[in-house]
C-alpha atoms as a PDB file:
ATOM      1  CA  PRO A   1     -43.834 101.923 126.953  1.00  0.00           C
ATOM      2  CA  ALA A   2     -44.930 104.717 129.395  1.00  0.00           C
ATOM      3  CA  ASP A   3     -48.961 103.960 127.869  1.00  0.00           C
ATOM      4  CA  PRO A   4     -50.306 101.551 130.997  1.00  0.00           C
ATOM      5  CA  ALA A   5     -52.307 100.188 128.041  1.00  0.00           C
ATOM      6  CA  GLN A   6     -49.687  99.356 125.998  1.00  0.00           C
ATOM      7  CA  ALA A   7     -47.511  97.954 128.747  1.00  0.00           C
ATOM      8  CA  ALA A   8     -50.512  95.445 129.565  1.00  0.00           C
ATOM      9  CA  ALA A   9     -50.585  94.099 126.195  1.00  0.00           C
ATOM     10  CA  LEU A  10     -47.349  94.109 125.403  1.00  0.00           C
ATOM     11  CA  PHE A  11     -45.750  92.340 128.826  1.00  0.00           C
ATOM     12  CA  GLY A  12     -48.965  90.430 130.020  1.00  0.00           C
ATOM     13  CA  ASP A  13     -47.490  87.403 128.414  1.00  0.00           C
ATOM     14  CA  CYS A  14     -43.274  87.681 128.907  1.00  0.00           C
ATOM     15  CA  ASP A  15     -41.409  85.269 131.265  1.00  0.00           C
ATOM     16  CA  VAL A  16     -39.097  87.821 130.262  1.00  0.00           C
ATOM     17  CA  VAL A  17     -38.948  91.555 130.718  1.00  0.00           C
ATOM     18  CA  VAL A  18     -35.929  93.751 129.506  1.00  0.00           C
ATOM     19  CA  HIS A  19     -35.998  97.565 130.053  1.00  0.00           C
ATOM     20  CA  SER A  20     -33.310  99.206 127.883  1.00  0.00           C
ATOM     21  CA  ALA A  21     -34.953 102.254 127.376  1.00  0.00           C
ATOM     22  CA  LEU A  22     -34.308 105.959 128.681  1.00  0.00           C
ATOM     23  CA  ALA A  23     -36.758 108.971 128.726  1.00  0.00           C
ATOM     24  CA  SER A  24     -36.452 111.398 126.879  1.00  0.00           C
ATOM     25  CA  GLY A  25     -37.156 115.382 127.151  1.00  0.00           C
ATOM     26  CA  SER A  26     -36.072 117.737 130.054  1.00  0.00           C
ATOM     27  CA  PRO A  27     -35.015 116.070 132.981  1.00  0.00           C
ATOM     28  CA  TRP A  28     -38.255 116.458 134.818  1.00  0.00           C
ATOM     29  CA  GLN A  29     -39.927 114.878 131.626  1.00  0.00           C
ATOM     30  CA  ILE A  30     -36.969 112.242 132.406  1.00  0.00           C
ATOM     31  CA  ARG A  31     -37.569 111.704 135.782  1.00  0.00           C
ATOM     32  CA  ALA A  32     -41.309 111.300 135.420  1.00  0.00           C
ATOM     33  CA  GLY A  33     -40.773 109.090 132.453  1.00  0.00           C
ATOM     34  CA  GLU A  34     -38.111 106.541 134.153  1.00  0.00           C
ATOM     35  CA  ARG A  35     -40.711 106.163 136.865  1.00  0.00           C
ATOM     36  CA  SER A  36     -43.792 105.533 134.528  1.00  0.00           C
ATOM     37  CA  LEU A  37     -41.624 102.892 132.685  1.00  0.00           C
ATOM     38  CA  ILE A  38     -40.492 100.550 135.668  1.00  0.00           C
ATOM     39  CA  THR A  39     -43.524 101.312 137.459  1.00  0.00           C
ATOM     40  CA  ASN A  40     -45.366  99.219 134.141  1.00  0.00           C
ATOM     41  CA  CYS A  41     -42.566  96.509 134.126  1.00  0.00           C
ATOM     42  CA  LEU A  42     -43.398  95.648 137.508  1.00  0.00           C
ATOM     43  CA  ARG A  43     -47.244  95.917 136.980  1.00  0.00           C
ATOM     44  CA  TYR A  44     -47.675  94.611 133.900  1.00  0.00           C
ATOM     45  CA  SER A  45     -45.676  91.954 133.836  1.00  0.00           C
ATOM     46  CA  LYS A  46     -46.821  88.107 134.964  1.00  0.00           C
ATOM     47  CA  ALA A  47     -46.797  87.446 138.446  1.00  0.00           C
ATOM     48  CA  ASN A  48     -43.422  85.284 138.021  1.00  0.00           C
ATOM     49  CA  ALA A  49     -42.090  87.774 135.148  1.00  0.00           C
ATOM     50  CA  ARG A  50     -38.055  88.428 135.416  1.00  0.00           C
ATOM     51  CA  ILE A  51     -37.285  91.936 135.086  1.00  0.00           C
ATOM     52  CA  ILE A  52     -33.222  93.380 133.569  1.00  0.00           C
ATOM     53  CA  TYR A  53     -32.923  96.481 133.788  1.00  0.00           C
ATOM     54  CA  PHE A  54     -29.892  97.822 131.986  1.00  0.00           C
ATOM     55  CA  SER A  55     -28.192 100.822 133.784  1.00  0.00           C
ATOM     56  CA  THR A  56     -24.724 102.106 133.147  1.00  0.00           C
ATOM     57  CA  MET A  57     -21.423 102.325 134.927  1.00  0.00           C
ATOM     58  CA  SER A  58     -21.875 105.672 135.076  1.00  0.00           C
ATOM     59  CA  VAL A  59     -23.524 105.815 138.134  1.00  0.00           C
ATOM     60  CA  TYR A  60     -19.982 105.461 139.906  1.00  0.00           C
ATOM     61  CA  CYS A  61     -17.709 108.697 140.019  1.00  0.00           C
ATOM     62  CA  ALA A  62     -16.573 109.168 136.585  1.00  0.00           C
ATOM     63  CA  TYR A  63     -13.335 110.912 135.989  1.00  0.00           C
ATOM     64  CA  GLN A  64      -9.908 111.515 132.866  1.00  0.00           C
ATOM     65  CA  PRO A  65      -6.435 110.758 134.025  1.00  0.00           C
ATOM     66  CA  GLY A  66      -5.458 114.013 135.632  1.00  0.00           C
ATOM     67  CA  ASP A  67      -8.572 114.523 137.169  1.00  0.00           C
ATOM     68  CA  TRP A  68      -8.285 115.945 140.988  1.00  0.00           C
ATOM     69  CA  LEU A  69     -12.561 115.840 140.740  1.00  0.00           C
ATOM     70  CA  ARG A  70     -14.408 112.914 140.053  1.00  0.00           C
ATOM     71  CA  TRP A  71     -18.448 113.609 138.906  1.00  0.00           C
ATOM     72  CA  ARG A  72     -21.317 111.998 138.367  1.00  0.00           C
ATOM     73  CA  GLY A  73     -22.830 113.115 135.378  1.00  0.00           C
ATOM     74  CA  ALA A  74     -26.418 113.912 135.026  1.00  0.00           C
ATOM     75  CA  TYR A  75     -26.910 110.618 132.673  1.00  0.00           C
ATOM     76  CA  GLY A  76     -25.322 108.360 135.808  1.00  0.00           C
ATOM     77  CA  LYS A  77     -27.696 109.891 138.664  1.00  0.00           C
ATOM     78  CA  THR A  78     -30.817 109.261 136.606  1.00  0.00           C
ATOM     79  CA  LYS A  79     -29.796 105.599 136.280  1.00  0.00           C
ATOM     80  CA  LEU A  80     -28.978 105.558 139.589  1.00  0.00           C
ATOM     81  CA  ARG A  81     -32.147 106.928 140.842  1.00  0.00           C
ATOM     82  CA  SER A  82     -34.096 104.532 138.532  1.00  0.00           C
ATOM     83  CA  GLU A  83     -31.765 101.518 139.987  1.00  0.00           C
ATOM     84  CA  ARG A  84     -33.180 102.429 143.809  1.00  0.00           C
ATOM     85  CA  LEU A  85     -36.868 102.681 142.270  1.00  0.00           C
ATOM     86  CA  LEU A  86     -36.938  99.252 140.696  1.00  0.00           C
ATOM     87  CA  ARG A  87     -35.723  97.688 143.980  1.00  0.00           C
ATOM     88  CA  THR A  88     -37.877  99.521 146.139  1.00  0.00           C
ATOM     89  CA  ALA A  89     -41.160  98.416 143.870  1.00  0.00           C
ATOM     90  CA  SER A  90     -40.194  95.323 142.923  1.00  0.00           C
ATOM     91  CA  LYS A  91     -39.280  93.921 146.818  1.00  0.00           C
ATOM     92  CA  ARG A  92     -43.202  94.992 147.055  1.00  0.00           C
ATOM     93  CA  GLN A  93     -44.139  93.007 144.361  1.00  0.00           C
ATOM     94  CA  GLY A  94     -42.238  90.314 145.118  1.00  0.00           C
ATOM     95  CA  LYS A  95     -40.764  89.701 141.692  1.00  0.00           C
ATOM     96  CA  GLU A  96     -37.266  89.051 140.740  1.00  0.00           C
ATOM     97  CA  THR A  97     -35.089  91.825 139.552  1.00  0.00           C
ATOM     98  CA  TYR A  98     -31.551  92.084 137.902  1.00  0.00           C
ATOM     99  CA  ILE A  99     -29.912  95.255 137.600  1.00  0.00           C
ATOM    100  CA  LEU A 100     -26.889  95.199 134.982  1.00  0.00           C
ATOM    101  CA  ARG A 101     -24.374  98.413 134.518  1.00  0.00           C
ATOM    102  CA  LEU A 102     -23.124  97.982 131.643  1.00  0.00           C
ATOM    103  CA  GLY A 103     -19.439  99.371 130.664  1.00  0.00           C
ATOM    104  CA  HIS A 104     -19.199 101.154 126.859  1.00  0.00           C
ATOM    105  CA  VAL A 105     -21.067  99.025 124.631  1.00  0.00           C
ATOM    106  CA  CYS A 106     -19.401  97.623 121.325  1.00  0.00           C
ATOM    107  CA  GLY A 107     -20.813  95.860 118.730  1.00  0.00           C
ATOM    108  CA  PRO A 108     -22.707  96.094 115.594  1.00  0.00           C
ATOM    109  CA  LEU A 109     -24.023  99.645 114.999  1.00  0.00           C
ATOM    110  CA  GLN A 110     -22.601 101.333 117.700  1.00  0.00           C
ATOM    111  CA  ASN A 111     -20.669 104.676 117.423  1.00  0.00           C
ATOM    112  CA  ILE A 112     -17.895 103.804 119.702  1.00  0.00           C
ATOM    113  CA  VAL A 113     -16.673 100.624 117.602  1.00  0.00           C
ATOM    114  CA  ARG A 114     -17.420 103.224 114.130  1.00  0.00           C
ATOM    115  CA  GLU A 115     -14.648 105.808 115.758  1.00  0.00           C
ATOM    116  CA  ILE A 116     -12.510 103.034 117.042  1.00  0.00           C
ATOM    117  CA  ARG A 117     -12.425 101.404 113.572  1.00  0.00           C
ATOM    118  CA  GLN A 118     -11.638 105.114 112.007  1.00  0.00           C
ATOM    119  CA  SER A 119      -9.009 105.912 113.966  1.00  0.00           C
ATOM    120  CA  ILE A 120      -7.136 102.223 112.880  1.00  0.00           C
ATOM    121  CA  ARG A 121      -7.772 102.635 109.058  1.00  0.00           C
ATOM    122  CA  ARG A 122      -6.439 106.537 109.325  1.00  0.00           C
ATOM    123  CA  GLY A 123      -3.347 105.020 111.673  1.00  0.00           C
ATOM    124  CA  GLU A 124      -4.131 107.382 114.003  1.00  0.00           C
ATOM    125  CA  VAL A 125      -4.397 105.159 117.026  1.00  0.00           C
ATOM    126  CA  VAL A 126      -3.113 106.709 120.413  1.00  0.00           C
ATOM    127  CA  LEU A 127      -3.084 104.680 123.764  1.00  0.00           C
ATOM    128  CA  THR A 128      -2.211 106.004 127.577  1.00  0.00           C
ATOM    129  CA  SER A 129      -2.543 102.644 129.364  1.00  0.00           C
ATOM    130  CA  PRO A 130      -3.034  99.984 126.684  1.00  0.00           C
ATOM    131  CA  GLU A 131      -2.969  97.156 129.566  1.00  0.00           C
ATOM    132  CA  GLY A 132      -4.964  99.216 131.648  1.00  0.00           C
ATOM    133  CA  PRO A 133      -9.322  97.683 131.704  1.00  0.00           C
ATOM    134  CA  SER A 134     -11.512  99.153 129.285  1.00  0.00           C
ATOM    135  CA  HIS A 135     -14.635  98.865 130.266  1.00  0.00           C
ATOM    136  CA  THR A 136     -15.918  97.471 126.893  1.00  0.00           C
ATOM    137  CA  VAL A 137     -18.797  95.447 127.033  1.00  0.00           C
ATOM    138  CA  TYR A 138     -19.875  93.621 123.309  1.00  0.00           C
ATOM    139  CA  THR A 139     -23.151  93.063 122.167  1.00  0.00           C
ATOM    140  CA  CYS A 140     -23.090  89.296 122.861  1.00  0.00           C
ATOM    141  CA  THR A 141     -22.465  89.297 125.966  1.00  0.00           C
ATOM    142  CA  ILE A 142     -25.382  91.388 126.473  1.00  0.00           C
ATOM    143  CA  ALA A 143     -27.129  88.769 124.896  1.00  0.00           C
ATOM    144  CA  ASP A 144     -25.649  85.912 126.923  1.00  0.00           C
ATOM    145  CA  ALA A 145     -26.498  87.535 130.192  1.00  0.00           C
ATOM    146  CA  VAL A 146     -30.274  88.239 129.245  1.00  0.00           C
ATOM    147  CA  LEU A 147     -30.530  84.470 128.411  1.00  0.00           C
ATOM    148  CA  LYS A 148     -28.490  83.085 131.389  1.00  0.00           C
ATOM    149  CA  ILE A 149     -31.038  85.348 133.852  1.00  0.00           C
ATOM    150  CA  ALA A 150     -33.808  83.750 131.413  1.00  0.00           C
ATOM    151  CA  ALA A 151     -32.837  80.391 131.905  1.00  0.00           C
ATOM    152  CA  GLY A 152     -32.991  80.744 135.636  1.00  0.00           C
ATOM    153  CA  LYS A 153     -28.996  80.405 136.272  1.00  0.00           C
ATOM    154  CA  GLU A 154     -28.229  83.916 138.077  1.00  0.00           C
ATOM    155  CA  ARG A 155     -29.740  84.926 141.352  1.00  0.00           C
ATOM    156  CA  PRO A 156     -30.743  88.505 141.170  1.00  0.00           C
ATOM    157  CA  GLY A 157     -29.186  91.109 142.110  1.00  0.00           C
ATOM    158  CA  THR A 158     -26.671  94.020 141.513  1.00  0.00           C
ATOM    159  CA  TYR A 159     -23.876  93.540 138.811  1.00  0.00           C
ATOM    160  CA  ASP A 160     -21.279  94.795 136.831  1.00  0.00           C
ATOM    161  CA  LEU A 161     -21.671  93.902 132.709  1.00  0.00           C
ATOM    162  CA  LEU A 162     -18.300  93.957 130.601  1.00  0.00           C
ATOM    163  CA  ASN A 163     -16.718  91.632 128.451  1.00  0.00           C
ATOM    164  CA  TRP A 164     -15.702  88.125 130.159  1.00  0.00           C
ATOM    165  CA  PRO A 165     -12.790  88.472 131.107  1.00  0.00           C
ATOM    166  CA  GLU A 166     -12.344  91.722 131.005  1.00  0.00           C
ATOM    167  CA  TRP A 167     -10.886  93.414 127.983  1.00  0.00           C
ATOM    168  CA  THR A 168      -8.006  95.751 128.246  1.00  0.00           C
ATOM    169  CA  TRP A 169      -7.593  98.716 125.287  1.00  0.00           C
ATOM    170  CA  SER A 170      -4.773  96.848 123.741  1.00  0.00           C
ATOM    171  CA  GLU A 171      -7.162  93.703 123.072  1.00  0.00           C
ATOM    172  CA  VAL A 172      -9.929  95.817 122.184  1.00  0.00           C
ATOM    173  CA  TYR A 173      -8.260  97.406 119.264  1.00  0.00           C
ATOM    174  CA  ALA A 174      -6.331  94.649 118.402  1.00  0.00           C
ATOM    175  CA  TYR A 175      -9.567  92.529 117.913  1.00  0.00           C
ATOM    176  CA  GLU A 176     -11.165  95.438 115.792  1.00  0.00           C
ATOM    177  CA  ALA A 177      -7.876  96.343 113.531  1.00  0.00           C
ATOM    178  CA  GLN A 178      -8.630  92.329 112.997  1.00  0.00           C
ATOM    179  CA  GLN A 179     -12.459  92.630 111.766  1.00  0.00           C
ATOM    180  CA  CYS A 180     -11.308  95.868 109.667  1.00  0.00           C
ATOM    181  CA  GLY A 181      -8.148  93.383 108.035  1.00  0.00           C
ATOM    182  CA  VAL A 182      -5.991  96.698 108.737  1.00  0.00           C
ATOM    183  CA  PRO A 183      -2.466  96.102 110.581  1.00  0.00           C
ATOM    184  CA  LEU A 184      -2.755  97.918 113.850  1.00  0.00           C
ATOM    185  CA  ARG A 185       0.061 100.826 114.280  1.00  0.00           C
ATOM    186  CA  VAL A 186      -0.489 102.268 118.152  1.00  0.00           C
ATOM    187  CA  THR A 187       0.986 105.492 119.452  1.00  0.00           C
ATOM    188  CA  PHE A 188       1.770 104.990 123.165  1.00  0.00           C
ATOM    189  CA  VAL A 189       1.909 108.398 125.414  1.00  0.00           C
ATOM    190  CA  PRO A 190       2.526 108.931 129.344  1.00  0.00           C
ATOM    191  CA  GLN A 191      -0.515 109.081 130.790  1.00  0.00           C
ATOM    192  CA  GLN A 192      -0.869 112.585 132.258  1.00  0.00           C
ATOM    193  CA  ALA A 193       0.122 112.829 135.809  1.00  0.00           C
ATOM    194  CA  PRO A 194      -2.342 113.568 138.015  1.00  0.00           C
ATOM    195  CA  ARG A 195      -2.517 117.933 138.978  1.00  0.00           C
ATOM    196  CA  ARG A 196      -2.653 119.004 142.228  1.00  0.00           C
ATOM    197  CA  PHE A 197      -5.142 121.318 143.673  1.00  0.00           C
ATOM    198  CA  ARG A 198      -4.036 124.381 144.288  1.00  0.00           C
ATOM    199  CA  PRO A 199      -6.680 126.563 145.986  1.00  0.00           C
ATOM    200  CA  LEU A 200      -4.775 130.281 144.444  1.00  0.00           C
ATOM    201  CA  ARG A 201      -4.601 128.911 141.013  1.00  0.00           C
ATOM    202  CA  LEU A 202      -8.433 130.398 141.272  1.00  0.00           C
ATOM    203  CA  LEU A 203      -7.736 133.672 142.435  1.00  0.00           C
ATOM    204  CA  GLY A 204      -6.550 133.845 138.616  1.00  0.00           C
ATOM    205  CA  ALA A 205      -9.354 131.874 136.979  1.00  0.00           C
ATOM    206  CA  PRO A 206     -11.001 135.507 136.158  1.00  0.00           C
ATOM    207  CA  LEU A 207      -8.403 137.187 134.516  1.00  0.00           C
ATOM    208  CA  ARG A 208      -7.605 133.775 132.675  1.00  0.00           C
ATOM    209  CA  GLY A 209     -11.409 133.944 131.589  1.00  0.00           C
ATOM    210  CA  VAL A 210     -11.319 137.370 130.350  1.00  0.00           C
ATOM    211  CA  VAL A 211      -8.246 136.586 127.894  1.00  0.00           C
ATOM    212  CA  ARG A 212     -10.270 133.415 127.125  1.00  0.00           C
ATOM    213  CA  ALA A 213     -12.799 135.481 126.175  1.00  0.00           C
ATOM    214  CA  ALA A 214     -11.273 138.244 124.703  1.00  0.00           C
ATOM    215  CA  ARG A 215      -9.179 135.839 122.215  1.00  0.00           C
ATOM    216  CA  ASN A 216     -12.592 133.908 120.947  1.00  0.00           C
ATOM    217  CA  ASN A 217     -14.350 137.346 120.482  1.00  0.00           C
ATOM    218  CA  GLU A 218     -13.299 140.354 118.588  1.00  0.00           C
ATOM    219  CA  ARG A 219     -15.899 142.380 120.050  1.00  0.00           C
ATOM    220  CA  VAL A 220     -15.497 141.290 123.940  1.00  0.00           C
ATOM    221  CA  LYS A 221     -11.836 141.681 122.963  1.00  0.00           C
ATOM    222  CA  GLN A 222     -12.488 146.064 122.266  1.00  0.00           C
ATOM    223  CA  MET A 223     -14.374 146.203 124.967  1.00  0.00           C
ATOM    224  CA  ILE A 224     -11.977 144.630 127.393  1.00  0.00           C
ATOM    225  CA  LEU A 225      -9.217 146.709 125.665  1.00  0.00           C
ATOM    226  CA  THR A 226     -11.685 149.926 126.463  1.00  0.00           C
ATOM    227  CA  LEU A 227     -11.721 148.784 129.933  1.00  0.00           C
ATOM    228  CA  LEU A 228      -8.315 148.400 130.596  1.00  0.00           C
ATOM    229  CA  ALA A 229      -7.398 152.106 129.139  1.00  0.00           C
ATOM    230  CA  HIS A 230      -8.972 152.869 132.514  1.00  0.00           C
ATOM    231  CA  ALA A 231      -7.676 150.285 134.743  1.00  0.00           C
ATOM    232  CA  PRO A 232      -4.304 150.376 136.992  1.00  0.00           C
ATOM    233  CA  ARG A 233      -0.810 149.755 135.305  1.00  0.00           C
ATOM    234  CA  ALA A 234      -0.732 146.452 137.187  1.00  0.00           C
ATOM    235  CA  LEU A 235      -3.770 145.060 135.748  1.00  0.00           C
ATOM    236  CA  ASN A 236      -2.981 145.836 132.358  1.00  0.00           C
ATOM    237  CA  ASP A 237       0.866 144.323 132.613  1.00  0.00           C
ATOM    238  CA  ARG A 238      -0.871 141.185 134.152  1.00  0.00           C
ATOM    239  CA  ALA A 239      -3.527 140.659 131.651  1.00  0.00           C
ATOM    240  CA  GLN A 240      -0.789 141.671 128.860  1.00  0.00           C
ATOM    241  CA  ALA A 241       1.525 138.994 130.191  1.00  0.00           C
ATOM    242  CA  THR A 242      -1.854 136.239 130.241  1.00  0.00           C
ATOM    243  CA  TRP A 243      -2.702 137.421 126.571  1.00  0.00           C
ATOM    244  CA  TYR A 244       0.803 136.997 125.237  1.00  0.00           C
ATOM    245  CA  ARG A 245       1.515 133.733 126.916  1.00  0.00           C
ATOM    246  CA  ASN A 246      -1.684 131.854 125.803  1.00  0.00           C
ATOM    247  CA  ARG A 247      -1.022 132.996 121.925  1.00  0.00           C
ATOM    248  CA  ALA A 248       2.699 131.529 121.976  1.00  0.00           C
ATOM    249  CA  GLN A 249       1.231 128.577 123.452  1.00  0.00           C
ATOM    250  CA  ALA A 250      -1.702 128.472 121.167  1.00  0.00           C
ATOM    251  CA  GLU A 251       0.966 128.846 117.871  1.00  0.00           C
ATOM    252  CA  ILE A 252       3.195 126.403 119.398  1.00  0.00           C
ATOM    253  CA  ARG A 253       0.553 123.309 119.716  1.00  0.00           C
ATOM    254  CA  ALA A 254      -0.623 124.454 115.734  1.00  0.00           C
ATOM    255  CA  LEU A 255       2.930 123.704 114.826  1.00  0.00           C
ATOM    256  CA  CYS A 256       3.410 120.354 116.762  1.00  0.00           C
ATOM    257  CA  PRO A 257      -0.337 118.876 118.239  1.00  0.00           C
ATOM    258  CA  PRO A 258       0.806 116.091 120.511  1.00  0.00           C
ATOM    259  CA  PRO A 259      -0.798 113.254 119.737  1.00  0.00           C
ATOM    260  CA  THR A 260      -4.318 113.074 121.303  1.00  0.00           C
ATOM    261  CA  PRO A 261      -4.905 110.110 123.132  1.00  0.00           C
ATOM    262  CA  SER A 262      -8.574 108.370 122.521  1.00  0.00           C
ATOM    263  CA  ARG A 263     -10.955 109.878 125.135  1.00  0.00           C
ATOM    264  CA  GLY A 264     -12.529 107.564 126.530  1.00  0.00           C
ATOM    265  CA  ILE A 265     -14.174 107.785 130.354  1.00  0.00           C
ATOM    266  CA  ASP A 266     -13.010 105.747 132.942  1.00  0.00           C
ATOM    267  CA  TRP A 267     -14.463 105.165 136.028  1.00  0.00           C
ATOM    268  CA  ALA A 268     -13.124 104.576 139.538  1.00  0.00           C
ATOM    269  CA  ASP A 269     -11.849 101.355 139.952  1.00  0.00           C
ATOM    270  CA  GLU A 270     -14.710 100.025 141.994  1.00  0.00           C
ATOM    271  CA  ALA A 271     -15.235  96.177 142.849  1.00  0.00           C
ATOM    272  CA  LYS A 272     -17.080  94.583 140.326  1.00  0.00           C
ATOM    273  CA  VAL A 273     -19.518  91.895 140.837  1.00  0.00           C
ATOM    274  CA  TYR A 274     -19.871  89.848 137.876  1.00  0.00           C
ATOM    275  CA  LEU A 275     -22.755  87.536 136.478  1.00  0.00           C
ATOM    276  CA  ALA A 276     -21.660  83.565 137.225  1.00  0.00           C
ATOM    277  CA  HIS A 277     -22.381  82.054 134.478  1.00  0.00           C
ATOM    278  CA  LEU A 278     -21.227  84.402 131.447  1.00  0.00           C
ATOM    279  CA  ALA A 279     -19.615  82.742 128.359  1.00  0.00           C
ATOM    280  CA  PRO A 280     -16.093  83.976 127.223  1.00  0.00           C
ATOM    281  CA  THR A 281     -16.704  87.250 125.397  1.00  0.00           C
ATOM    282  CA  ARG A 282     -14.259  85.642 122.803  1.00  0.00           C
ATOM    283  CA  ASP A 283     -16.197  82.469 122.132  1.00  0.00           C
ATOM    284  CA  LEU A 284     -19.335  84.378 121.762  1.00  0.00           C
ATOM    285  CA  LEU A 285     -18.145  87.024 119.094  1.00  0.00           C
ATOM    286  CA  ASN A 286     -17.095  83.360 117.057  1.00  0.00           C
ATOM    287  CA  ASP A 287     -20.137  81.665 117.468  1.00  0.00           C
ATOM    288  CA  PRO A 288     -22.544  81.964 114.454  1.00  0.00           C
ATOM    289  CA  ALA A 289     -25.886  82.157 117.195  1.00  0.00           C
ATOM    290  CA  PHE A 290     -24.537  85.691 118.732  1.00  0.00           C
ATOM    291  CA  ARG A 291     -24.552  87.838 115.398  1.00  0.00           C
ATOM    292  CA  ILE A 292     -26.801  89.876 113.940  1.00  0.00           C
ATOM    293  CA  PRO A 293     -28.237  88.420 110.663  1.00  0.00           C
ATOM    294  CA  PRO A 294     -28.380  90.133 107.329  1.00  0.00           C
ATOM    295  CA  ARG A 295     -31.840  92.544 107.703  1.00  0.00           C
ATOM    296  CA  ARG A 296     -35.012  90.585 105.618  1.00  0.00           C
ATOM    297  CA  PRO A 297     -38.088  93.312 105.555  1.00  0.00           C
ATOM    298  CA  GLU A 298     -40.945  90.447 105.882  1.00  0.00           C
ATOM    299  CA  SER A 299     -38.961  89.879 109.865  1.00  0.00           C
ATOM    300  CA  ALA A 300     -38.381  93.574 110.408  1.00  0.00           C
ATOM    301  CA  TRP A 301     -41.648  93.399 112.968  1.00  0.00           C
ATOM    302  CA  PRO A 302     -42.886  91.086 115.113  1.00  0.00           C
ATOM    303  CA  ALA A 303     -46.575  89.856 113.537  1.00  0.00           C
ATOM    304  CA  ASP A 304     -47.784  89.911 116.914  1.00  0.00           C
ATOM    305  CA  LEU A 305     -46.905  93.942 117.654  1.00  0.00           C
ATOM    306  CA  PRO A 306     -49.418  96.925 116.710  1.00  0.00           C
ATOM    307  CA  HIS A 307     -48.547  98.039 113.191  1.00  0.00           C
ATOM    308  CA  ALA A 308     -47.180  94.825 111.937  1.00  0.00           C
ATOM    309  CA  ALA A 309     -49.614  95.256 108.688  1.00  0.00           C
ATOM    310  CA  CYS A 310     -48.064  98.485 108.240  1.00  0.00           C
ATOM    311  CA  GLU A 311     -44.451  97.619 108.509  1.00  0.00           C
ATOM    312  CA  ARG A 312     -44.823  94.717 105.979  1.00  0.00           C
ATOM    313  CA  GLU A 313     -46.811  96.941 103.524  1.00  0.00           C
ATOM    314  CA  GLY A 314     -44.065  99.688 103.709  1.00  0.00           C
END
């Protein structure tokens, strides 16, 4: 928690502190909140406590197949900034710190699994590179990593936390289809070829933007038509040709929509650094100890946390 009083009460007797939260609010509030959370984890935990920080593979440059520009989003930048803050602060306090960069988190209650299973049940699975790395990590592997660190089997450092060994997208969909009890039907489409960056195409971008705005808004369309009446004929001809071409493309796509591959973020193929003692993810998925038990109201809130009595009464 960001409140120092609560942090001292919660962390003071912990051998391991797992920081899995992300502050919310405006960008300024997120940055300040992350600083408070990290500071409190280090300041109010035991002198020999191990600190585990859940980061993300979004700290690498993310891209979609065909993109000529790779970018790091605001989420990845926030996590990368927090990683640096944690490393600096932990060195000053002499505490063991483990930074785990998680991929797509799969498992119970995860949105990506719900979307995957929906596409499997509808028979609408579309993949471009079935044998390519999925960059997924099941929650059982995350739990295994925490347990191995708590047991002192891993060295402090920064690691990429993915399924072990890493799964392909074919393996992910095959496993989830098995869990659904539904045969897996996959449509394979060729991966989009990388687009070449043509600086001269930027010159036509304003006109394409105007045409797109006119297509989506009737009022904008009428305003543009009024202005074009006073524009040179060459500009009118070009705008009209662009309008007809875009409209024809939209009508053709509507008649025969192409299969759309499941859209997932990829990351630049960095040299991955793994924890040394992870158990195979498939073994963990079959281990009852790593399955979430049915929710029981009497154990939903640990008795030593604030408001535990209210939770039990409610």
